[in-house]
Amino acid sequence: MNTTMMQAMKKIAVLCFALLIMASQALAGELNLSIAASLKEVINELTASYTAKHPGTVFLKNFGPSGTLAGQIENGGPADLIIFANTEWVDYLNNKKLVDSSSIKTFSYNSLVFAGTTIKKVTSMKDLTKLDKIAIGSPKSVPAGEYAMSAMTKAGVVAQLISKLIMAKDVRECLMYAELGEVDGAFVYKTDALQAQKSRLFFTVPQALYPKVVYPMAITIKAVKKDEVKAFHAFLQSDEAKSVLSKYGFALK
């Protein structure tokens, strides 16, 4: 093998090594987030702010109902950090040893409300019996739907309303149905109602009728050793994150 060929091969080897390093660095800066749908605007703003300060970080965001996201993670779906809309699904993954228990923290709180476009007078749970169609998130996978079913049951109106319920894949779809007038109203979070364009908030569901809406977050076992994930997890507990949460109507305690 002549000198020219050897030099060319060395250059190729160096280039391949450099490309591998670059690919490794790019992969190291990728964070997979699995987030409850009701946090979409908050997380989009926070990730944009974080990326501005850490240009090498790339966020891959998966928004959806907490139960569905938990199922994806259980089946091997990519996720480094999760934020769900209730403790049930985080506890589920924790029991499966799929999240780091020491990383479980409370991100924020919310409340359940009823919003819609109907012209009928709706000021309480009892008034819901006057309506024809009501949207709720599917209780099997959507925490807001679970909260709504709990509220209707404790208010003693579930038997009268069960045939009127329109199931939605997540709380945002509930709001969309209400906004489009496809239902008289929908059970959504206060933060969703605050962003509505056409729907108005009819009443806040009494807290005594359903469990407190808690948004826990956690780092998955697969990502527990990733410094980038730990850094973003810490950022989500910062004053800046709390300020953004407050701006969108989330409660901090």
Protein backbone atom coordinates (compact mmCIF):
# COMPACT_ATOMS: atom_id res chain seq x y z
CA MET A 1 0.00 0.00 0.00
CA ASN A 2 1.52 3.31 -1.05
CA THR A 3 1.86 6.40 1.15
CA THR A 4 -0.93 8.31 -0.63
CA MET A 5 -3.44 5.52 -0.01
CA MET A 6 -2.41 5.24 3.65
CA GLN A 7 -2.85 8.98 4.16
CA ALA A 8 -6.27 8.84 2.51
CA MET A 9 -7.35 5.97 4.73
CA LYS A 10 -6.16 7.84 7.83
CA LYS A 11 -8.18 10.89 6.80
CA ILE A 12 -11.27 8.73 6.29
CA ALA A 13 -10.77 7.08 9.68
CA VAL A 14 -10.41 10.48 11.40
CA LEU A 15 -13.53 11.76 9.60
CA CYS A 16 -15.55 8.69 10.61
CA PHE A 17 -14.40 9.08 14.22
CA ALA A 18 -15.39 12.77 14.20
CA LEU A 19 -18.81 11.92 12.77
CA LEU A 20 -19.34 9.29 15.47
CA ILE A 21 -18.45 11.82 18.17
CA MET A 22 -20.83 14.38 16.67
CA ALA A 23 -23.62 11.80 16.44
CA SER A 24 -22.98 10.76 20.02
CA GLN A 25 -23.11 14.38 21.19
CA ALA A 26 -26.33 15.00 19.27
CA LEU A 27 -27.91 11.91 20.78
CA ALA A 28 -26.75 12.94 24.26
CA GLY A 29 -28.56 16.25 23.85
CA GLU A 30 -31.90 14.67 22.96
CA LEU A 31 -34.57 14.59 25.64
CA ASN A 32 -37.75 12.56 25.16
CA LEU A 33 -40.65 14.05 27.11
CA SER A 34 -43.99 12.33 27.74
CA ILE A 35 -46.38 15.03 28.93
CA ALA A 36 -50.06 15.32 29.84
CA ALA A 37 -51.94 17.12 27.05
CA SER A 38 -53.10 19.93 29.35
CA LEU A 39 -49.49 21.07 29.81
CA LYS A 40 -48.75 21.62 26.12
CA GLU A 41 -48.42 25.42 26.15
CA VAL A 42 -46.44 25.45 29.40
CA ILE A 43 -43.95 22.84 28.23
CA ASN A 44 -43.56 24.42 24.79
CA GLU A 45 -42.66 27.74 26.42
CA LEU A 46 -40.32 26.18 28.97
CA THR A 47 -38.48 24.02 26.43
CA ALA A 48 -38.04 27.05 24.15
CA SER A 49 -36.58 29.03 27.04
CA TYR A 50 -34.32 26.15 28.05
CA THR A 51 -33.08 25.57 24.49
CA ALA A 52 -32.19 29.27 24.18
CA LYS A 53 -29.79 28.79 27.09
CA HIS A 54 -28.66 25.29 26.10
CA PRO A 55 -28.52 25.26 22.26
CA GLY A 56 -27.28 21.65 22.16
CA THR A 57 -30.48 20.32 23.71
CA VAL A 58 -33.20 18.93 21.45
CA PHE A 59 -36.62 18.09 22.89
CA LEU A 60 -38.79 15.34 21.43
CA LYS A 61 -42.24 15.93 22.94
CA ASN A 62 -45.07 13.44 23.17
CA PHE A 63 -48.33 14.98 24.47
CA GLY A 64 -51.34 12.86 25.31
CA PRO A 65 -53.53 11.29 28.00
CA SER A 66 -51.51 10.11 30.99
CA GLY A 67 -52.77 6.52 30.83
CA THR A 68 -51.84 6.19 27.17
CA LEU A 69 -48.38 7.64 27.79
CA ALA A 70 -47.82 5.25 30.70
CA GLY A 71 -48.79 2.34 28.46
CA GLN A 72 -46.33 3.44 25.80
CA ILE A 73 -43.51 3.61 28.34
CA GLU A 74 -44.41 0.20 29.76
CA ASN A 75 -44.18 -1.20 26.23
CA GLY A 76 -40.70 0.24 25.69
CA GLY A 77 -41.56 3.62 24.19
CA PRO A 78 -38.87 6.30 24.42
CA ALA A 79 -39.20 8.62 27.42
CA ASP A 80 -36.63 10.35 29.59
CA LEU A 81 -38.91 12.52 31.71
CA ILE A 82 -42.65 12.36 32.35
CA ILE A 83 -45.27 14.73 33.71
CA PHE A 84 -48.74 13.26 34.17
CA ALA A 85 -52.06 14.73 35.29
CA ASN A 86 -52.49 12.45 38.28
CA THR A 87 -50.40 10.40 40.67
CA GLU A 88 -52.02 7.10 39.69
CA TRP A 89 -50.09 6.57 36.46
CA VAL A 90 -46.76 7.71 37.89
CA ASP A 91 -47.29 5.30 40.80
CA TYR A 92 -48.11 2.60 38.25
CA LEU A 93 -44.79 3.09 36.46
CA ASN A 94 -42.96 3.38 39.77
CA ASN A 95 -44.37 0.02 40.88
CA LYS A 96 -43.15 -1.41 37.58
CA LYS A 97 -39.65 -0.03 38.36
CA LEU A 98 -39.81 2.13 35.22
CA VAL A 99 -39.21 5.50 36.90
CA ASP A 100 -36.69 6.66 39.49
CA SER A 101 -38.69 7.00 42.71
CA SER A 102 -36.32 9.63 44.13
CA SER A 103 -37.03 11.89 41.15
CA ILE A 104 -40.81 12.00 41.67
CA LYS A 105 -41.75 15.60 42.41
CA THR A 106 -44.95 17.66 42.23
CA PHE A 107 -44.80 19.96 39.21
CA SER A 108 -48.10 21.82 39.68
CA TYR A 109 -51.81 21.64 40.49
CA ASN A 110 -55.03 22.33 38.59
CA SER A 111 -58.78 22.26 39.12
CA LEU A 112 -61.74 20.78 37.25
CA VAL A 113 -64.35 23.06 35.69
CA PHE A 114 -67.30 22.79 33.36
CA ALA A 115 -67.23 24.95 30.23
CA GLY A 116 -69.25 25.20 27.03
CA THR A 117 -71.37 27.29 24.69
CA THR A 118 -74.91 26.28 25.64
CA ILE A 119 -77.41 29.07 26.29
CA LYS A 120 -79.02 27.04 29.06
CA LYS A 121 -78.36 28.15 32.61
CA VAL A 122 -75.67 25.91 34.06
CA THR A 123 -74.25 26.88 37.44
CA SER A 124 -73.86 23.56 39.28
CA MET A 125 -73.54 19.80 38.87
CA LYS A 126 -77.33 19.42 39.24
CA ASP A 127 -77.89 21.67 36.21
CA LEU A 128 -76.02 19.23 33.96
CA THR A 129 -79.14 17.10 33.76
CA LYS A 130 -80.69 19.82 31.53
CA LEU A 131 -78.07 19.23 28.84
CA ASP A 132 -78.10 16.83 25.90
CA LYS A 133 -74.39 16.15 25.28
CA ILE A 134 -71.43 16.42 27.64
CA ALA A 135 -67.80 15.72 26.74
CA ILE A 136 -65.39 14.06 29.13
CA GLY A 137 -62.01 12.44 28.64
CA SER A 138 -62.16 8.64 28.53
CA PRO A 139 -61.88 7.70 32.22
CA LYS A 140 -59.75 4.65 31.40
CA SER A 141 -56.80 6.76 30.28
CA VAL A 142 -57.59 10.46 30.86
CA PRO A 143 -57.27 11.72 34.45
CA ALA A 144 -59.72 14.59 33.78
CA GLY A 145 -62.27 11.96 32.79
CA GLU A 146 -61.65 10.05 36.02
CA TYR A 147 -62.10 13.26 38.02
CA ALA A 148 -65.31 14.04 36.13
CA MET A 149 -66.78 10.58 36.77
CA SER A 150 -65.92 10.89 40.45
CA ALA A 151 -67.63 14.30 40.61
CA MET A 152 -70.78 13.09 38.84
CA THR A 153 -70.97 10.03 41.05
CA LYS A 154 -70.54 11.93 44.32
CA ALA A 155 -72.98 14.62 43.14
CA GLY A 156 -75.57 11.89 42.55
CA VAL A 157 -76.14 12.67 38.87
CA VAL A 158 -74.11 10.02 37.08
CA ALA A 159 -77.11 7.76 36.34
CA GLN A 160 -78.92 10.67 34.66
CA LEU A 161 -75.87 11.72 32.66
CA ILE A 162 -74.23 8.48 31.58
CA SER A 163 -76.14 8.27 28.28
CA LYS A 164 -75.26 11.88 27.46
CA LEU A 165 -71.50 11.50 27.77
CA ILE A 166 -69.29 11.88 24.71
CA MET A 167 -65.87 10.32 25.27
CA ALA A 168 -62.78 12.18 24.10
CA LYS A 169 -59.19 10.95 23.76
CA ASP A 170 -57.85 13.73 26.02
CA VAL A 171 -58.90 16.93 27.77
CA ARG A 172 -57.97 19.08 24.76
CA GLU A 173 -60.36 17.15 22.56
CA CYS A 174 -63.08 17.77 25.17
CA LEU A 175 -62.47 21.49 24.87
CA MET A 176 -62.49 21.27 21.07
CA TYR A 177 -65.91 19.59 21.11
CA ALA A 178 -67.20 22.38 23.35
CA GLU A 179 -65.63 25.09 21.20
CA LEU A 180 -67.20 23.65 18.05
CA GLY A 181 -70.60 23.35 19.69
CA GLU A 182 -70.66 19.58 19.16
CA VAL A 183 -71.56 19.22 22.84
CA ASP A 184 -73.34 21.53 25.26
CA GLY A 185 -70.35 21.56 27.54
CA ALA A 186 -67.29 19.67 28.72
CA PHE A 187 -65.37 18.80 31.84
CA VAL A 188 -61.95 20.38 31.40
CA TYR A 189 -59.22 21.85 33.54
CA LYS A 190 -59.37 25.48 34.60
CA THR A 191 -56.24 26.17 32.55
CA ASP A 192 -57.94 24.84 29.40
CA ALA A 193 -61.04 26.95 29.98
CA LEU A 194 -58.87 30.06 30.35
CA GLN A 195 -57.55 29.49 26.82
CA ALA A 196 -60.96 28.87 25.24
CA GLN A 197 -62.00 31.19 22.41
CA LYS A 198 -65.75 30.52 22.33
CA SER A 199 -66.58 28.47 25.40
CA ARG A 200 -67.20 30.11 28.72
CA LEU A 201 -66.59 28.72 32.17
CA PHE A 202 -69.94 27.84 33.72
CA PHE A 203 -68.76 26.65 37.13
CA THR A 204 -65.84 25.21 39.06
CA VAL A 205 -66.48 21.65 40.19
CA PRO A 206 -66.47 21.54 44.03
CA GLN A 207 -63.17 20.09 45.24
CA ALA A 208 -65.02 17.80 47.66
CA LEU A 209 -66.35 15.83 44.68
CA TYR A 210 -63.03 14.64 43.23
CA PRO A 211 -59.36 14.12 44.19
CA LYS A 212 -57.04 17.11 43.98
CA VAL A 213 -55.51 17.48 40.51
CA VAL A 214 -51.79 16.92 40.96
CA TYR A 215 -49.17 16.90 38.18
CA PRO A 216 -46.26 14.71 39.29
CA MET A 217 -43.07 14.46 37.26
CA ALA A 218 -40.32 11.86 37.25
CA ILE A 219 -37.23 10.68 35.41
CA THR A 220 -37.44 7.24 33.83
CA ILE A 221 -35.06 4.49 34.87
CA LYS A 222 -33.55 4.48 31.38
CA ALA A 223 -32.58 8.14 31.74
CA VAL A 224 -31.60 8.29 35.39
CA LYS A 225 -27.89 8.65 34.59
CA LYS A 226 -28.31 11.32 31.90
CA ASP A 227 -26.99 14.67 33.10
CA GLU A 228 -29.08 16.56 30.54
CA VAL A 229 -32.28 15.03 31.91
CA LYS A 230 -31.30 15.81 35.50
CA ALA A 231 -30.57 19.40 34.52
CA PHE A 232 -33.97 19.87 32.86
CA HIS A 233 -35.69 18.16 35.80
CA ALA A 234 -34.07 20.77 38.08
CA PHE A 235 -35.07 23.58 35.70
CA LEU A 236 -38.71 22.48 35.96
CA GLN A 237 -38.51 23.19 39.69
CA SER A 238 -37.05 26.68 39.20
CA ASP A 239 -38.66 30.08 39.78
CA GLU A 240 -38.80 30.59 36.01
CA ALA A 241 -40.86 27.41 35.57
CA LYS A 242 -43.16 28.43 38.43
CA SER A 243 -43.67 31.83 36.81
CA VAL A 244 -44.71 30.24 33.51
CA LEU A 245 -47.07 27.87 35.29
CA SER A 246 -48.73 30.78 37.07
CA LYS A 247 -49.08 32.67 33.80
CA TYR A 248 -51.15 29.83 32.35
CA GLY A 249 -53.34 29.52 35.43
CA PHE A 250 -51.75 26.51 37.12
CA ALA A 251 -51.59 26.45 40.91
CA LEU A 252 -48.33 25.86 42.73
CA LYS A 253 -49.83 24.39 45.89
